[in-house]
C-alpha atoms as a PDB file:
ATOM      1  CA  GLY A   1       1.534  -8.405  -8.877  1.00  0.00           C
ATOM      2  CA  LEU A   2       4.593  -8.729 -11.116  1.00  0.00           C
ATOM      3  CA  GLU A   3       1.634  -6.755 -13.376  1.00  0.00           C
ATOM      4  CA  SER A   4       1.720  -3.843 -12.027  1.00  0.00           C
ATOM      5  CA  GLN A   5       5.130  -4.186 -10.964  1.00  0.00           C
ATOM      6  CA  ALA A   6       5.937  -4.332 -14.844  1.00  0.00           C
ATOM      7  CA  ILE A   7       3.891  -1.111 -15.913  1.00  0.00           C
ATOM      8  CA  PHE A   8       5.399   1.014 -13.283  1.00  0.00           C
ATOM      9  CA  GLY A   9       9.385  -0.252 -13.900  1.00  0.00           C
ATOM     10  CA  MET A  10       8.046   1.093 -17.767  1.00  0.00           C
ATOM     11  CA  LEU A  11       7.614   4.404 -16.149  1.00  0.00           C
ATOM     12  CA  THR A  12      10.101   6.998 -16.758  1.00  0.00           C
ATOM     13  CA  ASP A  13      11.286   9.718 -14.535  1.00  0.00           C
ATOM     14  CA  ALA A  14       9.338  12.290 -17.144  1.00  0.00           C
ATOM     15  CA  ASP A  15       6.106   9.966 -16.240  1.00  0.00           C
ATOM     16  CA  LEU A  16       6.596  10.318 -12.973  1.00  0.00           C
ATOM     17  CA  GLU A  17       6.785  14.333 -13.048  1.00  0.00           C
ATOM     18  CA  ARG A  18       4.022  14.662 -15.801  1.00  0.00           C
ATOM     19  CA  LYS A  19       0.570  15.503 -13.901  1.00  0.00           C
ATOM     20  CA  CYS A  20      -2.494  13.833 -14.049  1.00  0.00           C
ATOM     21  CA  LEU A  21      -5.739  14.478 -11.682  1.00  0.00           C
ATOM     22  CA  THR A  22      -7.436  12.715  -8.967  1.00  0.00           C
ATOM     23  CA  PRO A  23     -10.717  11.485  -9.418  1.00  0.00           C
ATOM     24  CA  ALA A  24     -12.410  14.640  -7.466  1.00  0.00           C
ATOM     25  CA  GLY A  25     -10.256  16.924 -10.131  1.00  0.00           C
ATOM     26  CA  THR A  26      -7.172  17.710  -8.386  1.00  0.00           C
ATOM     27  CA  PRO A  27      -4.212  17.992 -10.428  1.00  0.00           C
ATOM     28  CA  ILE A  28      -1.974  16.105  -8.955  1.00  0.00           C
ATOM     29  CA  THR A  29       1.698  14.474 -10.152  1.00  0.00           C
ATOM     30  CA  THR A  30       2.036  10.913 -10.227  1.00  0.00           C
ATOM     31  CA  TRP A  31       4.482  10.017  -8.429  1.00  0.00           C
ATOM     32  CA  LYS A  32       2.625  11.935  -5.329  1.00  0.00           C
ATOM     33  CA  TRP A  33      -0.880   9.849  -6.466  1.00  0.00           C
ATOM     34  CA  LEU A  34       0.903   6.351  -6.271  1.00  0.00           C
ATOM     35  CA  ARG A  35       2.766   7.393  -3.198  1.00  0.00           C
ATOM     36  CA  ALA A  36      -1.122   7.892  -1.970  1.00  0.00           C
ATOM     37  CA  MET A  37      -2.281   4.641  -3.382  1.00  0.00           C
ATOM     38  CA  VAL A  38       0.386   2.759  -0.907  1.00  0.00           C
ATOM     39  CA  GLU A  39      -0.736   5.217   2.308  1.00  0.00           C
ATOM     40  CA  HIS A  40      -3.840   4.160   0.984  1.00  0.00           C
ATOM     41  CA  GLU A  41      -3.334   0.782   0.633  1.00  0.00           C
ATOM     42  CA  ALA A  42      -1.942   0.127   4.259  1.00  0.00           C
ATOM     43  CA  HIS A  43      -3.802   2.216   6.359  1.00  0.00           C
ATOM     44  CA  HIS A  44      -6.638   0.864   5.176  1.00  0.00           C
ATOM     45  CA  ARG A  45      -5.233  -3.284   5.430  1.00  0.00           C
ATOM     46  CA  GLY A  46      -4.295  -1.487   9.117  1.00  0.00           C
ATOM     47  CA  GLN A  47      -8.149  -0.877   9.937  1.00  0.00           C
ATOM     48  CA  ILE A  48      -8.734  -4.523   8.565  1.00  0.00           C
ATOM     49  CA  TYR A  49      -5.599  -5.828  10.793  1.00  0.00           C
ATOM     50  CA  LEU A  50      -7.360  -3.968  14.007  1.00  0.00           C
ATOM     51  CA  MET A  51     -10.702  -5.532  13.597  1.00  0.00           C
ATOM     52  CA  LEU A  52      -9.781  -9.255  13.080  1.00  0.00           C
ATOM     53  CA  GLY A  53      -7.364  -8.510  16.345  1.00  0.00           C
ATOM     54  CA  LEU A  54     -10.050  -6.733  17.865  1.00  0.00           C
ATOM     55  CA  LEU A  55     -12.733 -10.225  17.043  1.00  0.00           C
ATOM     56  CA  ASN A  56      -9.470 -12.992  17.952  1.00  0.00           C
ATOM     57  CA  VAL A  57      -9.354 -14.135  14.577  1.00  0.00           C
ATOM     58  CA  PRO A  58      -6.455 -15.228  13.555  1.00  0.00           C
ATOM     59  CA  THR A  59      -4.367 -12.331  10.994  1.00  0.00           C
ATOM     60  CA  PRO A  60      -3.033 -13.984   7.089  1.00  0.00           C
ATOM     61  CA  PRO A  61       0.698 -13.991   7.257  1.00  0.00           C
ATOM     62  CA  LEU A  62       1.568 -10.121   6.397  1.00  0.00           C
ATOM     63  CA  TYR A  63       5.243  -9.596   4.289  1.00  0.00           C
ATOM     64  CA  GLY A  64       5.850 -13.528   4.726  1.00  0.00           C
ATOM     65  CA  MET A  65       5.278 -12.817   8.961  1.00  0.00           C
ATOM     66  CA  THR A  66       2.402 -13.305  11.657  1.00  0.00           C
ATOM     67  CA  SER A  67       1.827 -10.725  13.682  1.00  0.00           C
ATOM     68  CA  GLU A  68       2.714 -13.047  16.257  1.00  0.00           C
ATOM     69  CA  GLU A  69       6.189 -14.175  14.891  1.00  0.00           C
ATOM     70  CA  VAL A  70       7.037  -9.709  14.064  1.00  0.00           C
ATOM     71  CA  GLN A  71       5.673  -9.424  17.753  1.00  0.00           C
ATOM     72  CA  ALA A  72       8.396 -12.427  18.899  1.00  0.00           C
ATOM     73  CA  ARG A  73      10.995 -10.885  16.274  1.00  0.00           C
ATOM     74  CA  SER A  74      10.039  -7.045  18.032  1.00  0.00           C
ATOM     75  CA  ALA A  75      11.169  -8.472  21.622  1.00  0.00           C
END
């Protein structure tokens, strides 16, 4: 949300290059950790949308478009 954007916007290049630790204790640069969080969220969102589709449950819009709208624009 907007709060996260404000926090991320305050990070300097030095902040992003600084090492941090994952919950498992593995050192990683902050920018790589943030990228991993985005990839992780996208992965689980994909799993949820797949399961909803398999159950014939309409999926909510993603980035303002329904899956039907995405399919129509992809044709």
